[in-house]
Amino acid sequence: MKAAVYYETGAPDVFRYEEVPDPVCQPGGIVIDVKAISIEGGDVLNRAEGEMPSRPHIVGYQCAGVIREAGANVTDRSVGQPVVAVMPFGSHASQVALAAMQTWPVPDGMELMAAACVPIPFGTAHECLFEFGRLKAGETVLIQAGAGGVGLAAVQLAKQAGATVLATASSDEKLERLKEFGLDHGINYKTEDFVARARELSGGRGVDLVVDSVGTTLPGSVAATGYRGRVIQVGNAGRPEDSRLDVSTLSEMSRTLTSVFFGGALMFEPQRTRPMVEELLRKVAEGSLRVVIDRTYPLSEAAAAHAYIESRQAFGRVVLVP
């Protein structure tokens, strides 16, 4: 099979498009012919500086495709069935092998490209807002990087929950586009002090909840909250070399800070998280939630796709197609 591989971490140009051995189907597993690969923030970070279990290494958390082969012990998946899959690594390839329980059936009529973009970003947004963020109707939430994959999902989910939704982005154009997804107030972090503006938009008291997928903005995210404010940190898109947080800023207003990794929830609480992802897929399939795909690239151009993500120009997802 073909795959986008690398032999050392670094800039996007470490990718090589090569022939690698076909994956082997295990008795409890399946092999998928990959049709769409959603590039996640963690994929970009891992390519830049993450661990490499093997050389060459195939990065990637998430993809969708059609089952090519099913193991002898698999009873709830079948050859030819479309599925979306989540894995520790390996999605940047034309085929993947994994346990059947790491997949979800794609709802009837749903495009595989859209399905490939759902479990991690929408699941992460849901986890941040509700499981750990405890968001309630009538509260105000600030979503950092609202035009990113998690950000776009969080804007939609928060608005549907009855919250007042604030979000940051790098341009007025992105903020204007976010309004159709439920944004109430946009903050251009390049031209405005997002802390002062968030406090102003919340009547001076501070927001109730912040979802921060950037990392470098964490001290400001805390400062933007009011009494008993909650800050949920997820991912590290900003790659801060040093963004230490003075924890006294939490105690002075009885704030809380929680760091979330949705992959851990899928591993340790599948009884809760798997049905949640299934429901999110259903909502996207029926149109009550929307996936936005900014650009698609051939798998052979994985380097260009990663470079585009790092340019911070994307609005929504960037997808690779084998």
C-alpha atoms as a PDB file:
ATOM      1  CA  MET A   1       0.000   0.000   0.000  1.00  0.00           C
ATOM      2  CA  LYS A   2       0.962   3.662  -0.284  1.00  0.00           C
ATOM      3  CA  ALA A   3       1.475   5.886   2.756  1.00  0.00           C
ATOM      4  CA  ALA A   4       2.822   9.284   3.778  1.00  0.00           C
ATOM      5  CA  VAL A   5       5.718   8.348   6.057  1.00  0.00           C
ATOM      6  CA  TYR A   6       8.643  10.037   7.748  1.00  0.00           C
ATOM      7  CA  TYR A   7      11.934   8.824   9.177  1.00  0.00           C
ATOM      8  CA  GLU A   8      12.485  11.737  11.546  1.00  0.00           C
ATOM      9  CA  THR A   9      10.262  14.389  13.064  1.00  0.00           C
ATOM     10  CA  GLY A  10      10.385  17.964  11.850  1.00  0.00           C
ATOM     11  CA  ALA A  11       8.847  20.371   9.343  1.00  0.00           C
ATOM     12  CA  PRO A  12       6.204  19.161   6.846  1.00  0.00           C
ATOM     13  CA  ASP A  13       8.861  18.345   4.260  1.00  0.00           C
ATOM     14  CA  VAL A  14       9.942  15.290   6.295  1.00  0.00           C
ATOM     15  CA  PHE A  15       7.062  13.420   4.613  1.00  0.00           C
ATOM     16  CA  ARG A  16       7.846  10.823   1.954  1.00  0.00           C
ATOM     17  CA  TYR A  17       5.181   9.127  -0.145  1.00  0.00           C
ATOM     18  CA  GLU A  18       6.247   5.488  -0.260  1.00  0.00           C
ATOM     19  CA  GLU A  19       5.173   1.911  -0.722  1.00  0.00           C
ATOM     20  CA  VAL A  20       4.950   0.113   2.631  1.00  0.00           C
ATOM     21  CA  PRO A  21       3.790  -3.402   3.606  1.00  0.00           C
ATOM     22  CA  ASP A  22       0.046  -3.996   3.588  1.00  0.00           C
ATOM     23  CA  PRO A  23      -1.490  -4.169   7.093  1.00  0.00           C
ATOM     24  CA  VAL A  24      -2.368  -7.571   8.524  1.00  0.00           C
ATOM     25  CA  CYS A  25      -5.902  -8.306   9.724  1.00  0.00           C
ATOM     26  CA  GLN A  26      -6.084  -9.717  13.268  1.00  0.00           C
ATOM     27  CA  PRO A  27      -8.827 -12.144  14.443  1.00  0.00           C
ATOM     28  CA  GLY A  28     -10.629  -9.352  16.315  1.00  0.00           C
ATOM     29  CA  GLY A  29      -9.812  -6.658  13.829  1.00  0.00           C
ATOM     30  CA  ILE A  30     -10.559  -5.260  10.411  1.00  0.00           C
ATOM     31  CA  VAL A  31      -8.655  -3.748   7.498  1.00  0.00           C
ATOM     32  CA  ILE A  32     -10.067  -0.573   5.956  1.00  0.00           C
ATOM     33  CA  ASP A  33      -9.534   0.822   2.491  1.00  0.00           C
ATOM     34  CA  VAL A  34      -9.108   4.457   3.456  1.00  0.00           C
ATOM     35  CA  LYS A  35     -11.126   7.019   1.486  1.00  0.00           C
ATOM     36  CA  ALA A  36     -10.655  10.191   3.575  1.00  0.00           C
ATOM     37  CA  ILE A  37      -8.198  11.282   6.288  1.00  0.00           C
ATOM     38  CA  SER A  38      -8.996  14.206   8.563  1.00  0.00           C
ATOM     39  CA  ILE A  39      -5.745  15.839   9.694  1.00  0.00           C
ATOM     40  CA  GLU A  40      -5.964  16.531  13.420  1.00  0.00           C
ATOM     41  CA  GLY A  41      -3.980  19.042  15.447  1.00  0.00           C
ATOM     42  CA  GLY A  42      -2.229  16.184  17.200  1.00  0.00           C
ATOM     43  CA  ASP A  43      -1.100  14.796  13.844  1.00  0.00           C
ATOM     44  CA  VAL A  44       0.710  18.054  13.097  1.00  0.00           C
ATOM     45  CA  LEU A  45       2.307  18.191  16.550  1.00  0.00           C
ATOM     46  CA  ASN A  46       3.377  14.547  16.422  1.00  0.00           C
ATOM     47  CA  ARG A  47       4.961  15.002  12.999  1.00  0.00           C
ATOM     48  CA  ALA A  48       6.857  18.010  14.338  1.00  0.00           C
ATOM     49  CA  GLU A  49       8.145  16.557  17.591  1.00  0.00           C
ATOM     50  CA  GLY A  50       6.237  13.453  18.699  1.00  0.00           C
ATOM     51  CA  GLU A  51       7.282   9.899  19.467  1.00  0.00           C
ATOM     52  CA  MET A  52       8.046   7.482  16.634  1.00  0.00           C
ATOM     53  CA  PRO A  53       7.158   3.863  17.479  1.00  0.00           C
ATOM     54  CA  SER A  54       8.739   2.734  14.204  1.00  0.00           C
ATOM     55  CA  ARG A  55      10.746   3.957  11.230  1.00  0.00           C
ATOM     56  CA  PRO A  56       9.295   4.776   8.818  1.00  0.00           C
ATOM     57  CA  HIS A  57       6.402   6.140  10.857  1.00  0.00           C
ATOM     58  CA  ILE A  58       2.815   6.701   9.698  1.00  0.00           C
ATOM     59  CA  VAL A  59       1.128   9.460  11.659  1.00  0.00           C
ATOM     60  CA  GLY A  60      -2.623  10.092  12.004  1.00  0.00           C
ATOM     61  CA  TYR A  61      -5.532   9.655  14.424  1.00  0.00           C
ATOM     62  CA  GLN A  62      -8.625   9.528  12.259  1.00  0.00           C
ATOM     63  CA  CYS A  63      -9.952   8.353   8.887  1.00  0.00           C
ATOM     64  CA  ALA A  64     -12.988   6.909   7.159  1.00  0.00           C
ATOM     65  CA  GLY A  65     -13.258   4.188   4.559  1.00  0.00           C
ATOM     66  CA  VAL A  66     -14.737   0.845   3.585  1.00  0.00           C
ATOM     67  CA  ILE A  67     -13.980  -2.460   5.293  1.00  0.00           C
ATOM     68  CA  ARG A  68     -11.758  -4.593   3.082  1.00  0.00           C
ATOM     69  CA  GLU A  69     -11.317  -7.564   5.419  1.00  0.00           C
ATOM     70  CA  ALA A  70     -12.800  -8.657   8.758  1.00  0.00           C
ATOM     71  CA  GLY A  71     -11.183 -11.028  11.245  1.00  0.00           C
ATOM     72  CA  ALA A  72     -12.667 -14.387  12.185  1.00  0.00           C
ATOM     73  CA  ASN A  73     -13.862 -13.130  15.592  1.00  0.00           C
ATOM     74  CA  VAL A  74     -15.569 -10.001  14.274  1.00  0.00           C
ATOM     75  CA  THR A  75     -19.366 -10.283  14.308  1.00  0.00           C
ATOM     76  CA  ASP A  76     -20.574  -6.657  14.224  1.00  0.00           C
ATOM     77  CA  ARG A  77     -18.714  -5.413  11.139  1.00  0.00           C
ATOM     78  CA  SER A  78     -18.743  -6.728   7.580  1.00  0.00           C
ATOM     79  CA  VAL A  79     -16.757  -6.438   4.369  1.00  0.00           C
ATOM     80  CA  GLY A  80     -17.971  -3.505   2.290  1.00  0.00           C
ATOM     81  CA  GLN A  81     -19.328  -1.580   5.293  1.00  0.00           C
ATOM     82  CA  PRO A  82     -18.380   2.124   5.521  1.00  0.00           C
ATOM     83  CA  VAL A  83     -16.843   3.077   8.871  1.00  0.00           C
ATOM     84  CA  VAL A  84     -14.981   5.908  10.545  1.00  0.00           C
ATOM     85  CA  ALA A  85     -11.994   4.975  12.695  1.00  0.00           C
ATOM     86  CA  VAL A  86      -9.863   6.445  15.480  1.00  0.00           C
ATOM     87  CA  MET A  87      -6.387   5.129  16.248  1.00  0.00           C
ATOM     88  CA  PRO A  88      -3.151   6.218  17.986  1.00  0.00           C
ATOM     89  CA  PHE A  89      -1.360   6.531  14.628  1.00  0.00           C
ATOM     90  CA  GLY A  90      -1.474   5.153  11.085  1.00  0.00           C
ATOM     91  CA  SER A  91      -4.255   7.057   9.305  1.00  0.00           C
ATOM     92  CA  HIS A  92      -2.023   8.721   6.667  1.00  0.00           C
ATOM     93  CA  ALA A  93      -2.167   5.624   4.471  1.00  0.00           C
ATOM     94  CA  SER A  94      -4.299   3.928   1.835  1.00  0.00           C
ATOM     95  CA  GLN A  95      -5.140   1.087   4.254  1.00  0.00           C
ATOM     96  CA  VAL A  96      -5.288   0.698   8.033  1.00  0.00           C
ATOM     97  CA  ALA A  97      -5.684  -2.325  10.309  1.00  0.00           C
ATOM     98  CA  LEU A  98      -7.209  -1.894  13.752  1.00  0.00           C
ATOM     99  CA  ALA A  99      -9.615  -3.412  16.259  1.00  0.00           C
ATOM    100  CA  ALA A 100     -13.253  -3.382  15.165  1.00  0.00           C
ATOM    101  CA  MET A 101     -14.200  -1.550  18.383  1.00  0.00           C
ATOM    102  CA  GLN A 102     -12.099   1.435  17.262  1.00  0.00           C
ATOM    103  CA  THR A 103     -14.630   2.136  14.503  1.00  0.00           C
ATOM    104  CA  TRP A 104     -18.186   3.433  14.133  1.00  0.00           C
ATOM    105  CA  PRO A 105     -20.542   2.578  11.267  1.00  0.00           C
ATOM    106  CA  VAL A 106     -21.150   5.556   8.999  1.00  0.00           C
ATOM    107  CA  PRO A 107     -24.872   6.456   8.903  1.00  0.00           C
ATOM    108  CA  ASP A 108     -26.702   5.713   5.673  1.00  0.00           C
ATOM    109  CA  GLY A 109     -26.263   8.461   3.114  1.00  0.00           C
ATOM    110  CA  MET A 110     -23.449  10.221   4.955  1.00  0.00           C
ATOM    111  CA  GLU A 111     -20.406  11.129   2.885  1.00  0.00           C
ATOM    112  CA  LEU A 112     -17.193   9.461   4.042  1.00  0.00           C
ATOM    113  CA  MET A 113     -15.310  12.758   3.834  1.00  0.00           C
ATOM    114  CA  ALA A 114     -17.668  14.308   6.394  1.00  0.00           C
ATOM    115  CA  ALA A 115     -17.623  11.204   8.602  1.00  0.00           C
ATOM    116  CA  ALA A 116     -13.830  11.301   8.707  1.00  0.00           C
ATOM    117  CA  CYS A 117     -14.027  14.699  10.417  1.00  0.00           C
ATOM    118  CA  VAL A 118     -16.406  13.868  13.272  1.00  0.00           C
ATOM    119  CA  PRO A 119     -15.185  11.647  16.160  1.00  0.00           C
ATOM    120  CA  ILE A 120     -12.135  13.534  17.447  1.00  0.00           C
ATOM    121  CA  PRO A 121     -13.064  17.216  16.874  1.00  0.00           C
ATOM    122  CA  PHE A 122     -16.767  16.934  17.716  1.00  0.00           C
ATOM    123  CA  GLY A 123     -16.163  14.447  20.527  1.00  0.00           C
ATOM    124  CA  THR A 124     -13.460  16.680  21.989  1.00  0.00           C
ATOM    125  CA  ALA A 125     -15.692  19.759  21.793  1.00  0.00           C
ATOM    126  CA  HIS A 126     -18.563  17.902  23.472  1.00  0.00           C
ATOM    127  CA  GLU A 127     -16.263  16.614  26.208  1.00  0.00           C
ATOM    128  CA  CYS A 128     -14.841  20.095  26.896  1.00  0.00           C
ATOM    129  CA  LEU A 129     -18.188  21.871  26.960  1.00  0.00           C
ATOM    130  CA  PHE A 130     -20.357  19.423  28.844  1.00  0.00           C
ATOM    131  CA  GLU A 131     -18.526  16.599  30.635  1.00  0.00           C
ATOM    132  CA  PHE A 132     -15.806  18.821  32.109  1.00  0.00           C
ATOM    133  CA  GLY A 133     -17.020  22.343  31.300  1.00  0.00           C
ATOM    134  CA  ARG A 134     -20.524  21.717  32.740  1.00  0.00           C
ATOM    135  CA  LEU A 135     -21.954  24.309  30.372  1.00  0.00           C
ATOM    136  CA  LYS A 136     -25.540  25.343  31.065  1.00  0.00           C
ATOM    137  CA  ALA A 137     -28.086  27.350  29.110  1.00  0.00           C
ATOM    138  CA  GLY A 138     -27.703  31.066  29.746  1.00  0.00           C
ATOM    139  CA  GLU A 139     -23.967  30.925  30.441  1.00  0.00           C
ATOM    140  CA  THR A 140     -21.279  32.634  28.370  1.00  0.00           C
ATOM    141  CA  VAL A 141     -18.494  30.600  26.770  1.00  0.00           C
ATOM    142  CA  LEU A 142     -15.316  31.794  25.042  1.00  0.00           C
ATOM    143  CA  ILE A 143     -13.915  29.428  22.428  1.00  0.00           C
ATOM    144  CA  GLN A 144     -10.305  30.022  21.451  1.00  0.00           C
ATOM    145  CA  ALA A 145      -9.476  29.370  17.765  1.00  0.00           C
ATOM    146  CA  GLY A 146     -13.124  29.245  16.771  1.00  0.00           C
ATOM    147  CA  ALA A 147     -12.341  28.570  13.101  1.00  0.00           C
ATOM    148  CA  GLY A 148     -10.435  25.353  13.841  1.00  0.00           C
ATOM    149  CA  GLY A 149     -11.917  21.872  13.858  1.00  0.00           C
ATOM    150  CA  VAL A 150     -12.651  21.711  17.589  1.00  0.00           C
ATOM    151  CA  GLY A 151     -13.589  25.392  17.602  1.00  0.00           C
ATOM    152  CA  LEU A 152     -16.226  25.074  14.875  1.00  0.00           C
ATOM    153  CA  ALA A 153     -17.739  22.055  16.593  1.00  0.00           C
ATOM    154  CA  ALA A 154     -17.744  23.843  19.957  1.00  0.00           C
ATOM    155  CA  VAL A 155     -19.421  26.961  18.546  1.00  0.00           C
ATOM    156  CA  GLN A 156     -22.284  24.862  17.170  1.00  0.00           C
ATOM    157  CA  LEU A 157     -22.705  22.669  20.246  1.00  0.00           C
ATOM    158  CA  ALA A 158     -22.550  25.590  22.685  1.00  0.00           C
ATOM    159  CA  LYS A 159     -25.130  27.597  20.746  1.00  0.00           C
ATOM    160  CA  GLN A 160     -27.489  24.633  20.562  1.00  0.00           C
ATOM    161  CA  ALA A 161     -27.141  24.282  24.355  1.00  0.00           C
ATOM    162  CA  GLY A 162     -28.424  27.835  24.858  1.00  0.00           C
ATOM    163  CA  ALA A 163     -25.141  29.571  25.678  1.00  0.00           C
ATOM    164  CA  THR A 164     -23.925  32.984  24.583  1.00  0.00           C
ATOM    165  CA  VAL A 165     -20.978  32.128  22.333  1.00  0.00           C
ATOM    166  CA  LEU A 166     -17.796  34.184  22.010  1.00  0.00           C
ATOM    167  CA  ALA A 167     -14.845  33.049  19.889  1.00  0.00           C
ATOM    168  CA  THR A 168     -11.428  34.262  18.817  1.00  0.00           C
ATOM    169  CA  ALA A 169      -9.968  34.060  15.317  1.00  0.00           C
ATOM    170  CA  SER A 170      -7.180  35.681  13.333  1.00  0.00           C
ATOM    171  CA  SER A 171      -9.348  37.660  10.919  1.00  0.00           C
ATOM    172  CA  ASP A 172     -12.650  39.488  10.709  1.00  0.00           C
ATOM    173  CA  GLU A 173     -13.510  37.321   7.703  1.00  0.00           C
ATOM    174  CA  LYS A 174     -13.298  34.128   9.760  1.00  0.00           C
ATOM    175  CA  LEU A 175     -15.359  35.674  12.544  1.00  0.00           C
ATOM    176  CA  GLU A 176     -18.034  36.764  10.093  1.00  0.00           C
ATOM    177  CA  ARG A 177     -18.257  33.238   8.702  1.00  0.00           C
ATOM    178  CA  LEU A 178     -18.611  31.820  12.223  1.00  0.00           C
ATOM    179  CA  LYS A 179     -21.871  33.709  12.732  1.00  0.00           C
ATOM    180  CA  GLU A 180     -23.737  31.236  10.534  1.00  0.00           C
ATOM    181  CA  PHE A 181     -22.663  28.476  12.933  1.00  0.00           C
ATOM    182  CA  GLY A 182     -23.966  30.232  16.049  1.00  0.00           C
ATOM    183  CA  LEU A 183     -21.322  32.780  17.035  1.00  0.00           C
ATOM    184  CA  ASP A 184     -22.755  35.724  18.979  1.00  0.00           C
ATOM    185  CA  HIS A 185     -19.610  37.841  19.346  1.00  0.00           C
ATOM    186  CA  GLY A 186     -16.262  37.500  17.570  1.00  0.00           C
ATOM    187  CA  ILE A 187     -12.886  38.709  18.823  1.00  0.00           C
ATOM    188  CA  ASN A 188     -10.009  39.300  16.389  1.00  0.00           C
ATOM    189  CA  TYR A 189      -7.030  38.425  18.560  1.00  0.00           C
ATOM    190  CA  LYS A 190      -4.647  40.208  16.192  1.00  0.00           C
ATOM    191  CA  THR A 191      -6.336  43.589  16.598  1.00  0.00           C
ATOM    192  CA  GLU A 192      -8.029  43.318  19.997  1.00  0.00           C
ATOM    193  CA  ASP A 193      -7.087  42.414  23.556  1.00  0.00           C
ATOM    194  CA  PHE A 194      -9.186  39.253  23.814  1.00  0.00           C
ATOM    195  CA  VAL A 195      -9.226  39.308  27.635  1.00  0.00           C
ATOM    196  CA  ALA A 196     -10.546  42.863  27.847  1.00  0.00           C
ATOM    197  CA  ARG A 197     -13.019  42.280  25.039  1.00  0.00           C
ATOM    198  CA  ALA A 198     -14.346  39.028  26.534  1.00  0.00           C
ATOM    199  CA  ARG A 199     -14.869  40.701  29.894  1.00  0.00           C
ATOM    200  CA  GLU A 200     -16.579  43.638  28.211  1.00  0.00           C
ATOM    201  CA  LEU A 201     -18.899  41.339  26.237  1.00  0.00           C
ATOM    202  CA  SER A 202     -19.810  39.500  29.442  1.00  0.00           C
ATOM    203  CA  GLY A 203     -20.862  42.695  31.182  1.00  0.00           C
ATOM    204  CA  GLY A 204     -17.568  43.094  33.016  1.00  0.00           C
ATOM    205  CA  ARG A 205     -17.988  39.987  35.164  1.00  0.00           C
ATOM    206  CA  GLY A 206     -15.968  37.592  32.961  1.00  0.00           C
ATOM    207  CA  VAL A 207     -17.114  34.551  31.005  1.00  0.00           C
ATOM    208  CA  ASP A 208     -18.300  31.354  32.668  1.00  0.00           C
ATOM    209  CA  LEU A 209     -16.284  28.918  30.555  1.00  0.00           C
ATOM    210  CA  VAL A 210     -13.318  28.971  28.156  1.00  0.00           C
ATOM    211  CA  VAL A 211     -12.349  26.158  25.780  1.00  0.00           C
ATOM    212  CA  ASP A 212      -8.667  26.688  24.929  1.00  0.00           C
ATOM    213  CA  SER A 213      -7.012  24.540  22.251  1.00  0.00           C
ATOM    214  CA  VAL A 214      -4.152  26.976  21.667  1.00  0.00           C
ATOM    215  CA  GLY A 215      -1.992  26.725  24.795  1.00  0.00           C
ATOM    216  CA  THR A 216      -0.133  30.028  24.524  1.00  0.00           C
ATOM    217  CA  THR A 217      -3.388  31.796  25.385  1.00  0.00           C
ATOM    218  CA  LEU A 218      -3.954  29.912  28.648  1.00  0.00           C
ATOM    219  CA  PRO A 219      -3.043  32.732  31.093  1.00  0.00           C
ATOM    220  CA  GLY A 220      -5.361  35.068  29.194  1.00  0.00           C
ATOM    221  CA  SER A 221      -8.109  32.465  29.111  1.00  0.00           C
ATOM    222  CA  VAL A 222      -8.009  32.270  32.890  1.00  0.00           C
ATOM    223  CA  ALA A 223      -8.050  36.067  33.176  1.00  0.00           C
ATOM    224  CA  ALA A 224     -11.107  36.231  30.910  1.00  0.00           C
ATOM    225  CA  THR A 225     -13.233  34.209  33.346  1.00  0.00           C
ATOM    226  CA  GLY A 226     -15.138  35.521  36.343  1.00  0.00           C
ATOM    227  CA  TYR A 227     -15.915  34.086  39.754  1.00  0.00           C
ATOM    228  CA  ARG A 228     -15.986  30.272  39.631  1.00  0.00           C
ATOM    229  CA  GLY A 229     -14.979  30.393  35.986  1.00  0.00           C
ATOM    230  CA  ARG A 230     -13.961  27.140  34.305  1.00  0.00           C
ATOM    231  CA  VAL A 231     -11.116  26.832  31.792  1.00  0.00           C
ATOM    232  CA  ILE A 232     -10.756  23.664  29.732  1.00  0.00           C
ATOM    233  CA  GLN A 233      -7.377  23.235  28.058  1.00  0.00           C
ATOM    234  CA  VAL A 234      -7.225  20.766  25.173  1.00  0.00           C
ATOM    235  CA  GLY A 235      -4.365  20.270  22.743  1.00  0.00           C
ATOM    236  CA  ASN A 236      -1.456  22.602  22.239  1.00  0.00           C
ATOM    237  CA  ALA A 237      -1.810  24.161  18.801  1.00  0.00           C
ATOM    238  CA  GLY A 238       0.284  27.191  19.734  1.00  0.00           C
ATOM    239  CA  ARG A 239       3.309  25.044  20.704  1.00  0.00           C
ATOM    240  CA  PRO A 240       4.401  27.336  23.535  1.00  0.00           C
ATOM    241  CA  GLU A 241       7.998  26.972  24.602  1.00  0.00           C
ATOM    242  CA  ASP A 242       7.110  28.625  27.881  1.00  0.00           C
ATOM    243  CA  SER A 243       3.553  29.526  28.807  1.00  0.00           C
ATOM    244  CA  ARG A 244       3.650  29.013  32.560  1.00  0.00           C
ATOM    245  CA  LEU A 245       0.456  29.794  34.408  1.00  0.00           C
ATOM    246  CA  ASP A 246       0.485  31.489  37.783  1.00  0.00           C
ATOM    247  CA  VAL A 247      -1.916  29.218  39.666  1.00  0.00           C
ATOM    248  CA  SER A 248      -2.725  31.990  42.145  1.00  0.00           C
ATOM    249  CA  THR A 249      -4.888  33.496  39.395  1.00  0.00           C
ATOM    250  CA  LEU A 250      -7.117  30.455  39.791  1.00  0.00           C
ATOM    251  CA  SER A 251      -7.556  30.653  43.550  1.00  0.00           C
ATOM    252  CA  GLU A 252      -8.239  34.382  43.696  1.00  0.00           C
ATOM    253  CA  MET A 253     -11.561  33.885  41.895  1.00  0.00           C
ATOM    254  CA  SER A 254     -12.230  30.222  42.786  1.00  0.00           C
ATOM    255  CA  ARG A 255     -11.588  29.267  39.170  1.00  0.00           C
ATOM    256  CA  THR A 256     -10.881  25.764  37.919  1.00  0.00           C
ATOM    257  CA  LEU A 257      -8.571  24.536  35.167  1.00  0.00           C
ATOM    258  CA  THR A 258      -8.996  21.108  33.575  1.00  0.00           C
ATOM    259  CA  SER A 259      -6.900  19.522  30.841  1.00  0.00           C
ATOM    260  CA  VAL A 260      -8.793  17.172  28.526  1.00  0.00           C
ATOM    261  CA  PHE A 261      -7.626  14.391  26.210  1.00  0.00           C
ATOM    262  CA  PHE A 262     -10.536  12.764  24.394  1.00  0.00           C
ATOM    263  CA  GLY A 263      -8.451   9.747  23.402  1.00  0.00           C
ATOM    264  CA  GLY A 264      -8.187   8.860  27.077  1.00  0.00           C
ATOM    265  CA  ALA A 265     -11.940   9.088  27.488  1.00  0.00           C
ATOM    266  CA  LEU A 266     -12.440   6.738  24.531  1.00  0.00           C
ATOM    267  CA  MET A 267     -10.037   4.289  26.153  1.00  0.00           C
ATOM    268  CA  PHE A 268     -11.230   4.422  29.779  1.00  0.00           C
ATOM    269  CA  GLU A 269     -14.925   5.277  29.360  1.00  0.00           C
ATOM    270  CA  PRO A 270     -16.078   3.637  26.119  1.00  0.00           C
ATOM    271  CA  GLN A 271     -19.507   2.975  27.617  1.00  0.00           C
ATOM    272  CA  ARG A 272     -20.043   6.751  27.751  1.00  0.00           C
ATOM    273  CA  THR A 273     -18.029   8.093  24.857  1.00  0.00           C
ATOM    274  CA  ARG A 274     -18.792   5.597  22.090  1.00  0.00           C
ATOM    275  CA  PRO A 275     -22.562   6.287  22.141  1.00  0.00           C
ATOM    276  CA  MET A 276     -21.782  10.002  22.287  1.00  0.00           C
ATOM    277  CA  VAL A 277     -19.729   9.803  19.078  1.00  0.00           C
ATOM    278  CA  GLU A 278     -22.457   7.710  17.465  1.00  0.00           C
ATOM    279  CA  GLU A 279     -24.977  10.450  18.283  1.00  0.00           C
ATOM    280  CA  LEU A 280     -22.677  13.169  16.915  1.00  0.00           C
ATOM    281  CA  LEU A 281     -22.319  11.229  13.654  1.00  0.00           C
ATOM    282  CA  ARG A 282     -26.101  10.983  13.448  1.00  0.00           C
ATOM    283  CA  LYS A 283     -26.508  14.731  13.969  1.00  0.00           C
ATOM    284  CA  VAL A 284     -23.971  15.550  11.262  1.00  0.00           C
ATOM    285  CA  ALA A 285     -25.635  13.056   8.915  1.00  0.00           C
ATOM    286  CA  GLU A 286     -29.060  14.653   9.469  1.00  0.00           C
ATOM    287  CA  GLY A 287     -27.661  18.190   9.139  1.00  0.00           C
ATOM    288  CA  SER A 288     -28.225  19.580  12.639  1.00  0.00           C
ATOM    289  CA  LEU A 289     -24.425  19.808  13.014  1.00  0.00           C
ATOM    290  CA  ARG A 290     -22.133  20.734  10.141  1.00  0.00           C
ATOM    291  CA  VAL A 291     -18.658  19.683   9.080  1.00  0.00           C
ATOM    292  CA  VAL A 292     -16.700  22.330   7.191  1.00  0.00           C
ATOM    293  CA  ILE A 293     -13.931  21.131   4.877  1.00  0.00           C
ATOM    294  CA  ASP A 294     -11.598  23.928   3.846  1.00  0.00           C
ATOM    295  CA  ARG A 295      -9.358  21.995   1.432  1.00  0.00           C
ATOM    296  CA  THR A 296      -8.581  18.497   0.252  1.00  0.00           C
ATOM    297  CA  TYR A 297      -5.175  17.201  -0.860  1.00  0.00           C
ATOM    298  CA  PRO A 298      -4.013  13.908  -2.351  1.00  0.00           C
ATOM    299  CA  LEU A 299      -2.272  11.727   0.219  1.00  0.00           C
ATOM    300  CA  SER A 300       0.900  12.146  -1.848  1.00  0.00           C
ATOM    301  CA  GLU A 301       0.789  15.857  -0.926  1.00  0.00           C
ATOM    302  CA  ALA A 302       0.629  15.364   2.845  1.00  0.00           C
ATOM    303  CA  ALA A 303       3.521  17.807   3.281  1.00  0.00           C
ATOM    304  CA  ALA A 304       1.584  20.585   1.547  1.00  0.00           C
ATOM    305  CA  ALA A 305      -1.533  19.808   3.584  1.00  0.00           C
ATOM    306  CA  HIS A 306       0.348  19.978   6.898  1.00  0.00           C
ATOM    307  CA  ALA A 307       2.057  23.197   5.810  1.00  0.00           C
ATOM    308  CA  TYR A 308      -1.322  24.737   4.988  1.00  0.00           C
ATOM    309  CA  ILE A 309      -2.646  23.860   8.448  1.00  0.00           C
ATOM    310  CA  GLU A 310       0.423  25.410  10.051  1.00  0.00           C
ATOM    311  CA  SER A 311      -0.135  28.607   8.058  1.00  0.00           C
ATOM    312  CA  ARG A 312      -3.298  29.188  10.176  1.00  0.00           C
ATOM    313  CA  GLN A 313      -5.312  29.992   7.052  1.00  0.00           C
ATOM    314  CA  ALA A 314      -7.758  27.106   7.253  1.00  0.00           C
ATOM    315  CA  PHE A 315     -11.407  27.512   8.198  1.00  0.00           C
ATOM    316  CA  GLY A 316     -12.482  24.059   9.303  1.00  0.00           C
ATOM    317  CA  ARG A 317     -10.901  20.757   8.307  1.00  0.00           C
ATOM    318  CA  VAL A 318      -8.125  19.813   5.897  1.00  0.00           C
ATOM    319  CA  VAL A 319      -8.605  16.337   4.422  1.00  0.00           C
ATOM    320  CA  LEU A 320      -6.241  13.937   2.651  1.00  0.00           C
ATOM    321  CA  VAL A 321      -7.574  11.591  -0.025  1.00  0.00           C
ATOM    322  CA  PRO A 322      -5.574   8.410  -0.883  1.00  0.00           C
END
